[in-house]
All heavy atoms as atom14 arrays in JSON, in Angstrom:
{
  "sequence": "WGASLPYLVAVDSSTDLQADHYEVTLTLSSAQVHAAPE",
  "atom14_mask": [
    [1, 1, 1, 1, 1, 1, 1, 1, 1, 1, 1, 1, 1, 1],
    [1, 1, 1, 1, 0, 0, 0, 0, 0, 0, 0, 0, 0, 0],
    [1, 1, 1, 1, 1, 0, 0, 0, 0, 0, 0, 0, 0, 0],
    [1, 1, 1, 1, 1, 1, 0, 0, 0, 0, 0, 0, 0, 0],
    [1, 1, 1, 1, 1, 1, 1, 1, 0, 0, 0, 0, 0, 0],
    [1, 1, 1, 1, 1, 1, 1, 0, 0, 0, 0, 0, 0, 0],
    [1, 1, 1, 1, 1, 1, 1, 1, 1, 1, 1, 1, 0, 0],
    [1, 1, 1, 1, 1, 1, 1, 1, 0, 0, 0, 0, 0, 0],
    [1, 1, 1, 1, 1, 1, 1, 0, 0, 0, 0, 0, 0, 0],
    [1, 1, 1, 1, 1, 0, 0, 0, 0, 0, 0, 0, 0, 0],
    [1, 1, 1, 1, 1, 1, 1, 0, 0, 0, 0, 0, 0, 0],
    [1, 1, 1, 1, 1, 1, 1, 1, 0, 0, 0, 0, 0, 0],
    [1, 1, 1, 1, 1, 1, 0, 0, 0, 0, 0, 0, 0, 0],
    [1, 1, 1, 1, 1, 1, 0, 0, 0, 0, 0, 0, 0, 0],
    [1, 1, 1, 1, 1, 1, 1, 0, 0, 0, 0, 0, 0, 0],
    [1, 1, 1, 1, 1, 1, 1, 1, 0, 0, 0, 0, 0, 0],
    [1, 1, 1, 1, 1, 1, 1, 1, 0, 0, 0, 0, 0, 0],
    [1, 1, 1, 1, 1, 1, 1, 1, 1, 0, 0, 0, 0, 0],
    [1, 1, 1, 1, 1, 0, 0, 0, 0, 0, 0, 0, 0, 0],
    [1, 1, 1, 1, 1, 1, 1, 1, 0, 0, 0, 0, 0, 0],
    [1, 1, 1, 1, 1, 1, 1, 1, 1, 1, 0, 0, 0, 0],
    [1, 1, 1, 1, 1, 1, 1, 1, 1, 1, 1, 1, 0, 0],
    [1, 1, 1, 1, 1, 1, 1, 1, 1, 0, 0, 0, 0, 0],
    [1, 1, 1, 1, 1, 1, 1, 0, 0, 0, 0, 0, 0, 0],
    [1, 1, 1, 1, 1, 1, 1, 0, 0, 0, 0, 0, 0, 0],
    [1, 1, 1, 1, 1, 1, 1, 1, 0, 0, 0, 0, 0, 0],
    [1, 1, 1, 1, 1, 1, 1, 0, 0, 0, 0, 0, 0, 0],
    [1, 1, 1, 1, 1, 1, 1, 1, 0, 0, 0, 0, 0, 0],
    [1, 1, 1, 1, 1, 1, 0, 0, 0, 0, 0, 0, 0, 0],
    [1, 1, 1, 1, 1, 1, 0, 0, 0, 0, 0, 0, 0, 0],
    [1, 1, 1, 1, 1, 0, 0, 0, 0, 0, 0, 0, 0, 0],
    [1, 1, 1, 1, 1, 1, 1, 1, 1, 0, 0, 0, 0, 0],
    [1, 1, 1, 1, 1, 1, 1, 0, 0, 0, 0, 0, 0, 0],
    [1, 1, 1, 1, 1, 1, 1, 1, 1, 1, 0, 0, 0, 0],
    [1, 1, 1, 1, 1, 0, 0, 0, 0, 0, 0, 0, 0, 0],
    [1, 1, 1, 1, 1, 0, 0, 0, 0, 0, 0, 0, 0, 0],
    [1, 1, 1, 1, 1, 1, 1, 0, 0, 0, 0, 0, 0, 0],
    [1, 1, 1, 1, 1, 1, 1, 1, 1, 0, 0, 0, 0, 0]
  ],
  "atom14_positions": [
    [[117.97, 94.24, 96.66], [119.23, 94.78, 97.14], [120.45, 94.0, 96.68], [121.57, 94.34, 97.03], [119.21, 94.86, 98.68], [118.13, 95.76, 99.18], [117.84, 97.01, 98.73], [117.19, 95.49, 100.2], [116.78, 97.54, 99.41], [116.35, 96.62, 100.32], [116.95, 94.41, 101.03], [115.32, 96.7, 101.24], [115.92, 94.49, 101.94], [115.11, 95.62, 102.05]],
    [[120.26, 92.93, 95.91], [121.38, 92.18, 95.37], [122.01, 91.18, 96.33], [122.9, 90.44, 95.93], [0.0, 0.0, 0.0], [0.0, 0.0, 0.0], [0.0, 0.0, 0.0], [0.0, 0.0, 0.0], [0.0, 0.0, 0.0], [0.0, 0.0, 0.0], [0.0, 0.0, 0.0], [0.0, 0.0, 0.0], [0.0, 0.0, 0.0], [0.0, 0.0, 0.0]],
    [[121.6, 91.15, 97.57], [122.15, 90.21, 98.56], [121.04, 89.29, 99.05], [119.97, 89.74, 99.42], [122.75, 90.97, 99.74], [0.0, 0.0, 0.0], [0.0, 0.0, 0.0], [0.0, 0.0, 0.0], [0.0, 0.0, 0.0], [0.0, 0.0, 0.0], [0.0, 0.0, 0.0], [0.0, 0.0, 0.0], [0.0, 0.0, 0.0], [0.0, 0.0, 0.0]],
    [[121.33, 88.0, 99.03], [120.35, 87.01, 99.46], [120.49, 86.74, 100.95], [121.56, 86.37, 101.43], [120.58, 85.71, 98.68], [119.71, 84.71, 99.16], [0.0, 0.0, 0.0], [0.0, 0.0, 0.0], [0.0, 0.0, 0.0], [0.0, 0.0, 0.0], [0.0, 0.0, 0.0], [0.0, 0.0, 0.0], [0.0, 0.0, 0.0], [0.0, 0.0, 0.0]],
    [[119.4, 86.98, 101.68], [119.36, 86.63, 103.1], [118.31, 85.54, 103.25], [117.19, 85.67, 102.74], [119.0, 87.85, 103.96], [120.05, 88.95, 103.98], [119.52, 90.2, 104.67], [121.31, 88.46, 104.68], [0.0, 0.0, 0.0], [0.0, 0.0, 0.0], [0.0, 0.0, 0.0], [0.0, 0.0, 0.0], [0.0, 0.0, 0.0], [0.0, 0.0, 0.0]],
    [[118.63, 84.45, 103.95], [117.75, 83.28, 103.99], [116.39, 83.54, 104.64], [115.45, 82.79, 104.43], [118.54, 82.24, 104.77], [119.59, 82.99, 105.49], [119.86, 84.23, 104.7], [0.0, 0.0, 0.0], [0.0, 0.0, 0.0], [0.0, 0.0, 0.0], [0.0, 0.0, 0.0], [0.0, 0.0, 0.0], [0.0, 0.0, 0.0], [0.0, 0.0, 0.0]],
    [[116.26, 84.6, 105.4], [114.99, 84.9, 106.06], [114.25, 86.05, 105.37], [113.15, 86.42, 105.79], [115.19, 85.22, 107.55], [116.19, 86.32, 107.8], [115.79, 87.66, 107.81], [117.52, 86.03, 108.01], [116.71, 88.67, 108.02], [118.45, 87.04, 108.22], [118.03, 88.35, 108.23], [118.95, 89.36, 108.43], [0.0, 0.0, 0.0], [0.0, 0.0, 0.0]],
    [[114.82, 86.62, 104.32], [114.13, 87.65, 103.53], [113.82, 87.06, 102.15], [114.44, 87.4, 101.15], [114.99, 88.91, 103.41], [115.16, 89.72, 104.7], [116.07, 90.92, 104.47], [113.81, 90.16, 105.25], [0.0, 0.0, 0.0], [0.0, 0.0, 0.0], [0.0, 0.0, 0.0], [0.0, 0.0, 0.0], [0.0, 0.0, 0.0], [0.0, 0.0, 0.0]],
    [[112.87, 86.14, 102.16], [112.45, 85.42, 100.97], [111.0, 85.77, 100.65], [110.29, 86.34, 101.48], [112.61, 83.89, 101.17], [114.07, 83.52, 101.36], [111.77, 83.41, 102.34], [0.0, 0.0, 0.0], [0.0, 0.0, 0.0], [0.0, 0.0, 0.0], [0.0, 0.0, 0.0], [0.0, 0.0, 0.0], [0.0, 0.0, 0.0], [0.0, 0.0, 0.0]],
    [[110.57, 85.39, 99.47], [109.19, 85.65, 99.07], [108.24, 84.77, 99.86], [108.45, 83.57, 99.97], [109.03, 85.39, 97.57], [0.0, 0.0, 0.0], [0.0, 0.0, 0.0], [0.0, 0.0, 0.0], [0.0, 0.0, 0.0], [0.0, 0.0, 0.0], [0.0, 0.0, 0.0], [0.0, 0.0, 0.0], [0.0, 0.0, 0.0], [0.0, 0.0, 0.0]],
    [[107.21, 85.39, 100.45], [106.16, 84.65, 101.15], [104.8, 85.21, 100.72], [104.7, 86.33, 100.22], [106.3, 84.72, 102.7], [107.62, 84.11, 103.15], [106.13, 86.13, 103.22], [0.0, 0.0, 0.0], [0.0, 0.0, 0.0], [0.0, 0.0, 0.0], [0.0, 0.0, 0.0], [0.0, 0.0, 0.0], [0.0, 0.0, 0.0], [0.0, 0.0, 0.0]],
    [[103.77, 84.42, 100.95], [102.41, 84.84, 100.64], [102.0, 86.01, 101.52], [102.26, 86.02, 102.72], [101.44, 83.68, 100.86], [100.0, 84.1, 100.63], [99.64, 84.33, 99.46], [99.26, 84.25, 101.62], [0.0, 0.0, 0.0], [0.0, 0.0, 0.0], [0.0, 0.0, 0.0], [0.0, 0.0, 0.0], [0.0, 0.0, 0.0], [0.0, 0.0, 0.0]],
    [[101.37, 87.0, 100.91], [100.79, 88.13, 101.64], [99.52, 88.56, 100.91], [99.29, 89.74, 100.66], [101.8, 89.28, 101.77], [101.36, 90.22, 102.73], [0.0, 0.0, 0.0], [0.0, 0.0, 0.0], [0.0, 0.0, 0.0], [0.0, 0.0, 0.0], [0.0, 0.0, 0.0], [0.0, 0.0, 0.0], [0.0, 0.0, 0.0], [0.0, 0.0, 0.0]],
    [[98.72, 87.56, 100.53], [97.55, 87.81, 99.68], [96.49, 88.69, 100.33], [95.66, 89.26, 99.63], [96.95, 86.49, 99.2], [96.65, 85.66, 100.29], [0.0, 0.0, 0.0], [0.0, 0.0, 0.0], [0.0, 0.0, 0.0], [0.0, 0.0, 0.0], [0.0, 0.0, 0.0], [0.0, 0.0, 0.0], [0.0, 0.0, 0.0], [0.0, 0.0, 0.0]],
    [[96.53, 88.85, 101.66], [95.58, 89.77, 102.28], [95.82, 91.2, 101.82], [94.92, 92.04, 101.9], [95.66, 89.7, 103.82], [97.01, 89.95, 104.22], [95.2, 88.34, 104.33], [0.0, 0.0, 0.0], [0.0, 0.0, 0.0], [0.0, 0.0, 0.0], [0.0, 0.0, 0.0], [0.0, 0.0, 0.0], [0.0, 0.0, 0.0], [0.0, 0.0, 0.0]],
    [[97.02, 91.5, 101.32], [97.32, 92.84, 100.83], [96.45, 93.24, 99.63], [96.28, 94.43, 99.36], [98.79, 92.94, 100.42], [99.73, 92.92, 101.61], [99.27, 92.8, 102.75], [100.95, 93.01, 101.39], [0.0, 0.0, 0.0], [0.0, 0.0, 0.0], [0.0, 0.0, 0.0], [0.0, 0.0, 0.0], [0.0, 0.0, 0.0], [0.0, 0.0, 0.0]],
    [[95.93, 92.26, 98.91], [95.11, 92.57, 97.73], [93.87, 93.35, 98.1], [93.26, 94.0, 97.24], [94.72, 91.28, 97.0], [95.89, 90.4, 96.53], [95.36, 89.12, 95.9], [96.79, 91.15, 95.58], [0.0, 0.0, 0.0], [0.0, 0.0, 0.0], [0.0, 0.0, 0.0], [0.0, 0.0, 0.0], [0.0, 0.0, 0.0], [0.0, 0.0, 0.0]],
    [[93.48, 93.34, 99.37], [92.3, 94.07, 99.84], [92.67, 95.42, 100.46], [91.8, 96.13, 100.97], [91.54, 93.23, 100.89], [91.16, 91.85, 100.4], [90.4, 91.87, 99.08], [89.45, 92.62, 98.93], [90.83, 91.06, 98.13], [0.0, 0.0, 0.0], [0.0, 0.0, 0.0], [0.0, 0.0, 0.0], [0.0, 0.0, 0.0], [0.0, 0.0, 0.0]],
    [[93.94, 95.8, 100.42], [94.39, 97.04, 101.06], [93.84, 98.28, 100.37], [93.65, 98.29, 99.14], [95.92, 97.1, 101.05], [0.0, 0.0, 0.0], [0.0, 0.0, 0.0], [0.0, 0.0, 0.0], [0.0, 0.0, 0.0], [0.0, 0.0, 0.0], [0.0, 0.0, 0.0], [0.0, 0.0, 0.0], [0.0, 0.0, 0.0], [0.0, 0.0, 0.0]],
    [[93.6, 99.3, 101.16], [93.25, 100.6, 100.59], [94.41, 101.05, 99.7], [95.57, 100.93, 100.09], [93.03, 101.64, 101.7], [91.86, 101.3, 102.59], [90.93, 100.6, 102.13], [91.86, 101.73, 103.75], [0.0, 0.0, 0.0], [0.0, 0.0, 0.0], [0.0, 0.0, 0.0], [0.0, 0.0, 0.0], [0.0, 0.0, 0.0], [0.0, 0.0, 0.0]],
    [[94.1, 101.55, 98.54], [95.1, 102.07, 97.59], [96.09, 101.0, 97.13], [97.23, 101.3, 96.8], [95.85, 103.26, 98.17], [94.94, 104.31, 98.73], [94.12, 105.07, 97.94], [94.69, 104.67, 100.02], [93.4, 105.88, 98.72], [93.72, 105.65, 99.97], [0.0, 0.0, 0.0], [0.0, 0.0, 0.0], [0.0, 0.0, 0.0], [0.0, 0.0, 0.0]],
    [[95.65, 99.74, 97.1], [96.49, 98.65, 96.59], [96.9, 98.92, 95.14], [98.03, 98.71, 94.76], [95.74, 97.32, 96.7], [96.29, 96.22, 95.83], [97.47, 95.57, 96.16], [95.64, 95.85, 94.65], [97.99, 94.58, 95.35], [96.16, 94.86, 93.84], [97.34, 94.24, 94.2], [97.85, 93.26, 93.38], [0.0, 0.0, 0.0], [0.0, 0.0, 0.0]],
    [[95.95, 99.38, 94.33], [96.22, 99.65, 92.91], [96.08, 101.15, 92.66], [95.08, 101.76, 93.02], [95.23, 98.88, 92.04], [95.49, 99.06, 90.55], [94.57, 98.2, 89.71], [94.85, 97.0, 89.57], [93.57, 98.74, 89.2], [0.0, 0.0, 0.0], [0.0, 0.0, 0.0], [0.0, 0.0, 0.0], [0.0, 0.0, 0.0], [0.0, 0.0, 0.0]],
    [[97.12, 101.72, 92.05], [97.14, 103.15, 91.73], [97.66, 103.31, 90.31], [98.6, 102.61, 89.91], [98.05, 103.92, 92.72], [98.21, 105.37, 92.32], [97.51, 103.81, 94.14], [0.0, 0.0, 0.0], [0.0, 0.0, 0.0], [0.0, 0.0, 0.0], [0.0, 0.0, 0.0], [0.0, 0.0, 0.0], [0.0, 0.0, 0.0], [0.0, 0.0, 0.0]],
    [[97.07, 104.22, 89.54], [97.51, 104.45, 88.17], [98.06, 105.86, 88.01], [97.42, 106.84, 88.39], [96.34, 104.24, 87.18], [95.86, 102.9, 87.3], [96.79, 104.48, 85.74], [0.0, 0.0, 0.0], [0.0, 0.0, 0.0], [0.0, 0.0, 0.0], [0.0, 0.0, 0.0], [0.0, 0.0, 0.0], [0.0, 0.0, 0.0], [0.0, 0.0, 0.0]],
    [[99.27, 105.95, 87.46], [99.91, 107.21, 87.11], [99.69, 107.44, 85.63], [99.9, 106.52, 84.83], [101.42, 107.14, 87.41], [102.3, 108.26, 86.87], [102.0, 109.56, 87.62], [103.76, 107.89, 87.02], [0.0, 0.0, 0.0], [0.0, 0.0, 0.0], [0.0, 0.0, 0.0], [0.0, 0.0, 0.0], [0.0, 0.0, 0.0], [0.0, 0.0, 0.0]],
    [[99.28, 108.64, 85.22], [99.04, 108.95, 83.82], [100.06, 109.98, 83.35], [100.23, 111.02, 83.98], [97.61, 109.5, 83.63], [96.67, 108.56, 84.15], [97.31, 109.76, 82.16], [0.0, 0.0, 0.0], [0.0, 0.0, 0.0], [0.0, 0.0, 0.0], [0.0, 0.0, 0.0], [0.0, 0.0, 0.0], [0.0, 0.0, 0.0], [0.0, 0.0, 0.0]],
    [[100.75, 109.67, 82.24], [101.72, 110.58, 81.63], [101.33, 110.81, 80.18], [101.1, 109.85, 79.45], [103.13, 109.98, 81.68], [103.7, 109.64, 83.06], [105.0, 108.87, 82.89], [103.93, 110.92, 83.84], [0.0, 0.0, 0.0], [0.0, 0.0, 0.0], [0.0, 0.0, 0.0], [0.0, 0.0, 0.0], [0.0, 0.0, 0.0], [0.0, 0.0, 0.0]],
    [[101.29, 112.06, 79.75], [100.99, 112.34, 78.34], [102.22, 112.05, 77.51], [103.35, 112.03, 78.01], [100.57, 113.8, 78.16], [101.69, 114.64, 78.36], [0.0, 0.0, 0.0], [0.0, 0.0, 0.0], [0.0, 0.0, 0.0], [0.0, 0.0, 0.0], [0.0, 0.0, 0.0], [0.0, 0.0, 0.0], [0.0, 0.0, 0.0], [0.0, 0.0, 0.0]],
    [[102.03, 111.84, 76.2], [103.19, 111.6, 75.33], [104.09, 112.82, 75.3], [105.31, 112.7, 75.14], [102.74, 111.19, 73.93], [101.88, 112.15, 73.38], [0.0, 0.0, 0.0], [0.0, 0.0, 0.0], [0.0, 0.0, 0.0], [0.0, 0.0, 0.0], [0.0, 0.0, 0.0], [0.0, 0.0, 0.0], [0.0, 0.0, 0.0], [0.0, 0.0, 0.0]],
    [[103.55, 114.01, 75.5], [104.39, 115.22, 75.56], [105.3, 115.17, 76.79], [106.43, 115.64, 76.75], [103.52, 116.47, 75.61], [0.0, 0.0, 0.0], [0.0, 0.0, 0.0], [0.0, 0.0, 0.0], [0.0, 0.0, 0.0], [0.0, 0.0, 0.0], [0.0, 0.0, 0.0], [0.0, 0.0, 0.0], [0.0, 0.0, 0.0], [0.0, 0.0, 0.0]],
    [[104.82, 114.58, 77.87], [105.63, 114.47, 79.08], [106.81, 113.53, 78.9], [107.83, 113.7, 79.55], [104.78, 114.0, 80.27], [103.83, 115.05, 80.8], [102.95, 114.47, 81.87], [102.08, 113.66, 81.59], [103.17, 114.9, 83.09], [0.0, 0.0, 0.0], [0.0, 0.0, 0.0], [0.0, 0.0, 0.0], [0.0, 0.0, 0.0], [0.0, 0.0, 0.0]],
    [[106.67, 112.54, 78.05], [107.76, 111.59, 77.88], [108.62, 111.87, 76.65], [109.64, 111.23, 76.46], [107.24, 110.13, 77.87], [106.71, 109.75, 79.22], [106.21, 109.91, 76.8], [0.0, 0.0, 0.0], [0.0, 0.0, 0.0], [0.0, 0.0, 0.0], [0.0, 0.0, 0.0], [0.0, 0.0, 0.0], [0.0, 0.0, 0.0], [0.0, 0.0, 0.0]],
    [[108.23, 112.83, 75.82], [109.05, 113.35, 74.72], [109.63, 112.3, 73.77], [110.8, 112.33, 73.44], [110.22, 114.18, 75.25], [109.85, 115.21, 76.23], [109.07, 116.3, 75.94], [110.13, 115.32, 77.55], [108.9, 117.03, 77.02], [109.52, 116.45, 78.01], [0.0, 0.0, 0.0], [0.0, 0.0, 0.0], [0.0, 0.0, 0.0], [0.0, 0.0, 0.0]],
    [[108.86, 111.34, 73.33], [109.39, 110.33, 72.4], [108.24, 109.64, 71.68], [107.08, 109.83, 72.02], [110.22, 109.31, 73.15], [0.0, 0.0, 0.0], [0.0, 0.0, 0.0], [0.0, 0.0, 0.0], [0.0, 0.0, 0.0], [0.0, 0.0, 0.0], [0.0, 0.0, 0.0], [0.0, 0.0, 0.0], [0.0, 0.0, 0.0], [0.0, 0.0, 0.0]],
    [[108.61, 108.84, 70.69], [107.61, 108.04, 69.98], [107.08, 106.99, 70.95], [107.8, 106.09, 71.34], [108.24, 107.38, 68.76], [0.0, 0.0, 0.0], [0.0, 0.0, 0.0], [0.0, 0.0, 0.0], [0.0, 0.0, 0.0], [0.0, 0.0, 0.0], [0.0, 0.0, 0.0], [0.0, 0.0, 0.0], [0.0, 0.0, 0.0], [0.0, 0.0, 0.0]],
    [[105.85, 107.1, 71.37], [105.33, 106.26, 72.45], [105.39, 104.77, 72.18], [105.61, 103.99, 73.1], [103.89, 106.72, 72.62], [103.59, 107.58, 71.47], [104.86, 108.05, 70.88], [0.0, 0.0, 0.0], [0.0, 0.0, 0.0], [0.0, 0.0, 0.0], [0.0, 0.0, 0.0], [0.0, 0.0, 0.0], [0.0, 0.0, 0.0], [0.0, 0.0, 0.0]],
    [[105.25, 104.36, 70.92], [105.24, 102.93, 70.62], [106.59, 102.28, 70.9], [106.69, 101.07, 71.05], [104.87, 102.69, 69.15], [103.51, 103.24, 68.74], [103.52, 104.75, 68.49], [104.55, 105.31, 68.08], [102.47, 105.36, 68.74], [0.0, 0.0, 0.0], [0.0, 0.0, 0.0], [0.0, 0.0, 0.0], [0.0, 0.0, 0.0], [0.0, 0.0, 0.0]]
  ]
}
């Protein structure tokens, strides 16, 4: 959000790595993005 608040800092939340749907992959074809993919 561009504003630093002293209590909204990065902290460990490594238990999240075991969450349901932690990792999700979106697939887009090159036709969907209309450009030279490289």
